[in-house]
Amino acid sequence: MKLEMNASEVEGYIDEVFPQIADYGFCVENLEVGKISVSMKITDKHLRPGGTVSGPTMFTLADCASYLIVLAHIGKVALAVTTNLNINFISKPEGDLIADAQLLKLGKRLAVCEISIRSKVTETLVAHATATYSIPPSR
């Protein structure tokens, strides 16, 4: 397994092909073979009643981290898509979040990732997810 793009190339490619997520506040903190850390700045739009970070926000972070690690390893294949994502919410998130994703399998047609989401402030694990991505045959 090897990287096809570095962190800035991945972020630049996402800006080019998926500009809709620019307002989400994602930032690649670290990228190495098989691993990525993606942070997310939490704002009022990410909160649900009661002031906690919403489940859909954490789901989006897990999905984004998975997409970015897959792209970093397969290159500019925008049409890689999520086929499954399971998430377990573990504890109440506080402040900005960071997702640490790891590639468990990178095949010709499927990639499987494991994602741990934690509070950047307290380092508390707030969610755990697994994701499967389908890689189009053009690769």
C-alpha atoms as a PDB file:
ATOM      1  CA  MET A   1       0.000   0.000   0.000  1.00  0.00           C
ATOM      2  CA  LYS A   2       1.304   3.466  -0.848  1.00  0.00           C
ATOM      3  CA  LEU A   3       0.055   7.031  -0.948  1.00  0.00           C
ATOM      4  CA  GLU A   4      -0.935   8.434  -4.343  1.00  0.00           C
ATOM      5  CA  MET A   5      -1.555  11.956  -2.949  1.00  0.00           C
ATOM      6  CA  ASN A   6      -0.269  13.910   0.029  1.00  0.00           C
ATOM      7  CA  ALA A   7      -2.498  15.872   2.438  1.00  0.00           C
ATOM      8  CA  SER A   8      -2.486  19.128   0.484  1.00  0.00           C
ATOM      9  CA  GLU A   9      -3.145  17.303  -2.797  1.00  0.00           C
ATOM     10  CA  VAL A  10      -6.112  15.481  -1.255  1.00  0.00           C
ATOM     11  CA  GLU A  11      -7.550  18.718   0.134  1.00  0.00           C
ATOM     12  CA  GLY A  12      -7.005  20.490  -3.213  1.00  0.00           C
ATOM     13  CA  TYR A  13      -8.678  17.679  -5.117  1.00  0.00           C
ATOM     14  CA  ILE A  14     -11.695  17.751  -2.779  1.00  0.00           C
ATOM     15  CA  ASP A  15     -11.967  21.526  -3.259  1.00  0.00           C
ATOM     16  CA  GLU A  16     -12.028  20.889  -7.009  1.00  0.00           C
ATOM     17  CA  VAL A  17     -14.496  17.991  -7.271  1.00  0.00           C
ATOM     18  CA  PHE A  18     -16.589  18.333  -4.088  1.00  0.00           C
ATOM     19  CA  PRO A  19     -16.741  22.055  -3.210  1.00  0.00           C
ATOM     20  CA  GLN A  20     -20.058  21.547  -1.390  1.00  0.00           C
ATOM     21  CA  ILE A  21     -18.213  20.374   1.721  1.00  0.00           C
ATOM     22  CA  ALA A  22     -15.946  23.427   1.990  1.00  0.00           C
ATOM     23  CA  ASP A  23     -18.207  24.929   4.680  1.00  0.00           C
ATOM     24  CA  TYR A  24     -18.005  21.844   6.901  1.00  0.00           C
ATOM     25  CA  GLY A  25     -14.683  22.867   8.422  1.00  0.00           C
ATOM     26  CA  PHE A  26     -12.651  19.736   7.663  1.00  0.00           C
ATOM     27  CA  CYS A  27      -8.852  19.831   7.792  1.00  0.00           C
ATOM     28  CA  VAL A  28      -6.373  17.010   7.196  1.00  0.00           C
ATOM     29  CA  GLU A  29      -4.166  17.063  10.289  1.00  0.00           C
ATOM     30  CA  ASN A  30      -2.000  14.065   9.422  1.00  0.00           C
ATOM     31  CA  LEU A  31      -1.709  11.606   6.561  1.00  0.00           C
ATOM     32  CA  GLU A  32       0.550   8.582   6.309  1.00  0.00           C
ATOM     33  CA  VAL A  33       0.328   5.200   4.658  1.00  0.00           C
ATOM     34  CA  GLY A  34      -2.850   3.536   5.903  1.00  0.00           C
ATOM     35  CA  LYS A  35      -3.843   6.346   8.306  1.00  0.00           C
ATOM     36  CA  ILE A  36      -5.376   9.816   8.296  1.00  0.00           C
ATOM     37  CA  SER A  37      -6.496  12.312  10.933  1.00  0.00           C
ATOM     38  CA  VAL A  38      -9.185  14.794   9.918  1.00  0.00           C
ATOM     39  CA  SER A  39     -10.345  17.563  12.220  1.00  0.00           C
ATOM     40  CA  MET A  40     -13.658  19.372  12.167  1.00  0.00           C
ATOM     41  CA  LYS A  41     -14.348  22.808  13.603  1.00  0.00           C
ATOM     42  CA  ILE A  42     -17.685  22.611  15.428  1.00  0.00           C
ATOM     43  CA  THR A  43     -20.050  25.581  15.146  1.00  0.00           C
ATOM     44  CA  ASP A  44     -23.650  26.237  16.169  1.00  0.00           C
ATOM     45  CA  LYS A  45     -24.878  24.676  12.901  1.00  0.00           C
ATOM     46  CA  HIS A  46     -23.468  21.308  14.042  1.00  0.00           C
ATOM     47  CA  LEU A  47     -25.379  21.287  17.338  1.00  0.00           C
ATOM     48  CA  ARG A  48     -28.686  19.667  18.093  1.00  0.00           C
ATOM     49  CA  PRO A  49     -31.136  20.735  20.798  1.00  0.00           C
ATOM     50  CA  GLY A  50     -29.424  20.463  24.157  1.00  0.00           C
ATOM     51  CA  GLY A  51     -26.139  21.797  22.766  1.00  0.00           C
ATOM     52  CA  THR A  52     -24.474  18.505  21.833  1.00  0.00           C
ATOM     53  CA  VAL A  53     -22.895  17.777  18.471  1.00  0.00           C
ATOM     54  CA  SER A  54     -25.476  16.068  16.266  1.00  0.00           C
ATOM     55  CA  GLY A  55     -25.188  12.460  15.147  1.00  0.00           C
ATOM     56  CA  PRO A  56     -25.354  13.451  11.452  1.00  0.00           C
ATOM     57  CA  THR A  57     -22.352  15.741  12.016  1.00  0.00           C
ATOM     58  CA  MET A  58     -20.268  12.894  13.439  1.00  0.00           C
ATOM     59  CA  PHE A  59     -21.494  10.566  10.674  1.00  0.00           C
ATOM     60  CA  THR A  60     -20.383  13.140   8.091  1.00  0.00           C
ATOM     61  CA  LEU A  61     -16.948  13.421   9.711  1.00  0.00           C
ATOM     62  CA  ALA A  62     -16.526   9.630   9.692  1.00  0.00           C
ATOM     63  CA  ASP A  63     -17.601   9.447   6.040  1.00  0.00           C
ATOM     64  CA  CYS A  64     -15.312  12.310   5.023  1.00  0.00           C
ATOM     65  CA  ALA A  65     -12.289  10.806   6.791  1.00  0.00           C
ATOM     66  CA  SER A  66     -12.955   7.494   5.035  1.00  0.00           C
ATOM     67  CA  TYR A  67     -13.321   9.152   1.639  1.00  0.00           C
ATOM     68  CA  LEU A  68     -10.110  11.138   2.101  1.00  0.00           C
ATOM     69  CA  ILE A  69      -8.003   8.161   3.148  1.00  0.00           C
ATOM     70  CA  VAL A  70      -9.319   6.111   0.232  1.00  0.00           C
ATOM     71  CA  LEU A  71      -8.570   8.927  -2.247  1.00  0.00           C
ATOM     72  CA  ALA A  72      -5.108   9.432  -0.757  1.00  0.00           C
ATOM     73  CA  HIS A  73      -4.339   5.803  -1.615  1.00  0.00           C
ATOM     74  CA  ILE A  74      -6.130   5.350  -4.952  1.00  0.00           C
ATOM     75  CA  GLY A  75      -5.581   8.812  -6.436  1.00  0.00           C
ATOM     76  CA  LYS A  76      -8.024  11.055  -8.253  1.00  0.00           C
ATOM     77  CA  VAL A  77     -11.042   8.762  -8.422  1.00  0.00           C
ATOM     78  CA  ALA A  78     -13.892  11.067  -7.422  1.00  0.00           C
ATOM     79  CA  LEU A  79     -16.571   8.437  -7.966  1.00  0.00           C
ATOM     80  CA  ALA A  80     -15.470   6.142  -5.162  1.00  0.00           C
ATOM     81  CA  VAL A  81     -18.645   5.908  -3.060  1.00  0.00           C
ATOM     82  CA  THR A  82     -19.741   4.788   0.379  1.00  0.00           C
ATOM     83  CA  THR A  83     -21.514   1.447   0.290  1.00  0.00           C
ATOM     84  CA  ASN A  84     -21.825   1.029   4.044  1.00  0.00           C
ATOM     85  CA  LEU A  85     -21.097   3.038   7.175  1.00  0.00           C
ATOM     86  CA  ASN A  86     -21.915   1.881  10.708  1.00  0.00           C
ATOM     87  CA  ILE A  87     -21.418   4.220  13.619  1.00  0.00           C
ATOM     88  CA  ASN A  88     -21.654   3.798  17.384  1.00  0.00           C
ATOM     89  CA  PHE A  89     -22.049   6.934  19.485  1.00  0.00           C
ATOM     90  CA  ILE A  90     -20.090   6.415  22.694  1.00  0.00           C
ATOM     91  CA  SER A  91     -20.056   9.633  24.709  1.00  0.00           C
ATOM     92  CA  LYS A  92     -21.161  13.261  24.502  1.00  0.00           C
ATOM     93  CA  PRO A  93     -18.779  15.230  22.278  1.00  0.00           C
ATOM     94  CA  GLU A  94     -17.264  18.474  23.528  1.00  0.00           C
ATOM     95  CA  GLY A  95     -15.705  21.077  21.267  1.00  0.00           C
ATOM     96  CA  ASP A  96     -13.985  20.434  17.955  1.00  0.00           C
ATOM     97  CA  LEU A  97     -13.654  16.841  16.782  1.00  0.00           C
ATOM     98  CA  ILE A  98     -10.948  14.759  15.169  1.00  0.00           C
ATOM     99  CA  ALA A  99     -11.416  11.520  13.239  1.00  0.00           C
ATOM    100  CA  ASP A 100      -8.594   9.014  13.050  1.00  0.00           C
ATOM    101  CA  ALA A 101      -9.244   6.658  10.132  1.00  0.00           C
ATOM    102  CA  GLN A 102      -7.300   3.550   9.260  1.00  0.00           C
ATOM    103  CA  LEU A 103      -7.496   1.465   6.096  1.00  0.00           C
ATOM    104  CA  LEU A 104      -8.205  -2.130   7.055  1.00  0.00           C
ATOM    105  CA  LYS A 105      -8.394  -3.347   3.451  1.00  0.00           C
ATOM    106  CA  LEU A 106      -7.664  -1.728   0.119  1.00  0.00           C
ATOM    107  CA  GLY A 107      -8.663  -3.964  -2.766  1.00  0.00           C
ATOM    108  CA  LYS A 108      -9.353  -3.350  -6.441  1.00  0.00           C
ATOM    109  CA  ARG A 109     -13.089  -2.828  -5.878  1.00  0.00           C
ATOM    110  CA  LEU A 110     -13.573  -2.268  -2.124  1.00  0.00           C
ATOM    111  CA  ALA A 111     -11.875  -0.374   0.672  1.00  0.00           C
ATOM    112  CA  VAL A 112     -12.710  -0.936   4.345  1.00  0.00           C
ATOM    113  CA  CYS A 113     -11.916   1.649   7.016  1.00  0.00           C
ATOM    114  CA  GLU A 114     -12.159   1.946  10.771  1.00  0.00           C
ATOM    115  CA  ILE A 115     -12.740   5.417  12.239  1.00  0.00           C
ATOM    116  CA  SER A 116     -12.413   6.676  15.804  1.00  0.00           C
ATOM    117  CA  ILE A 117     -13.845  10.121  16.518  1.00  0.00           C
ATOM    118  CA  ARG A 118     -12.697  11.952  19.596  1.00  0.00           C
ATOM    119  CA  SER A 119     -13.013  15.354  21.174  1.00  0.00           C
ATOM    120  CA  LYS A 120      -9.994  17.459  20.309  1.00  0.00           C
ATOM    121  CA  VAL A 121     -10.179  19.175  23.702  1.00  0.00           C
ATOM    122  CA  THR A 122     -10.599  16.217  26.061  1.00  0.00           C
ATOM    123  CA  GLU A 123      -9.281  13.386  23.816  1.00  0.00           C
ATOM    124  CA  THR A 124     -12.424  11.439  24.812  1.00  0.00           C
ATOM    125  CA  LEU A 125     -13.613   8.837  22.316  1.00  0.00           C
ATOM    126  CA  VAL A 126     -17.081   9.972  21.232  1.00  0.00           C
ATOM    127  CA  ALA A 127     -17.851   7.635  18.319  1.00  0.00           C
ATOM    128  CA  HIS A 128     -16.520   4.596  16.505  1.00  0.00           C
ATOM    129  CA  ALA A 129     -17.380   3.715  12.904  1.00  0.00           C
ATOM    130  CA  THR A 130     -16.562   1.317  10.120  1.00  0.00           C
ATOM    131  CA  ALA A 131     -17.003   2.197   6.465  1.00  0.00           C
ATOM    132  CA  THR A 132     -16.839   0.375   3.162  1.00  0.00           C
ATOM    133  CA  TYR A 133     -16.174   2.212  -0.093  1.00  0.00           C
ATOM    134  CA  SER A 134     -16.770   0.956  -3.598  1.00  0.00           C
ATOM    135  CA  ILE A 135     -13.975   1.802  -6.022  1.00  0.00           C
ATOM    136  CA  PRO A 136     -15.037   2.170  -9.658  1.00  0.00           C
ATOM    137  CA  PRO A 137     -13.408  -0.184 -12.174  1.00  0.00           C
ATOM    138  CA  SER A 138     -11.532   2.597 -14.028  1.00  0.00           C
ATOM    139  CA  ARG A 139      -8.723   2.307 -11.522  1.00  0.00           C
END
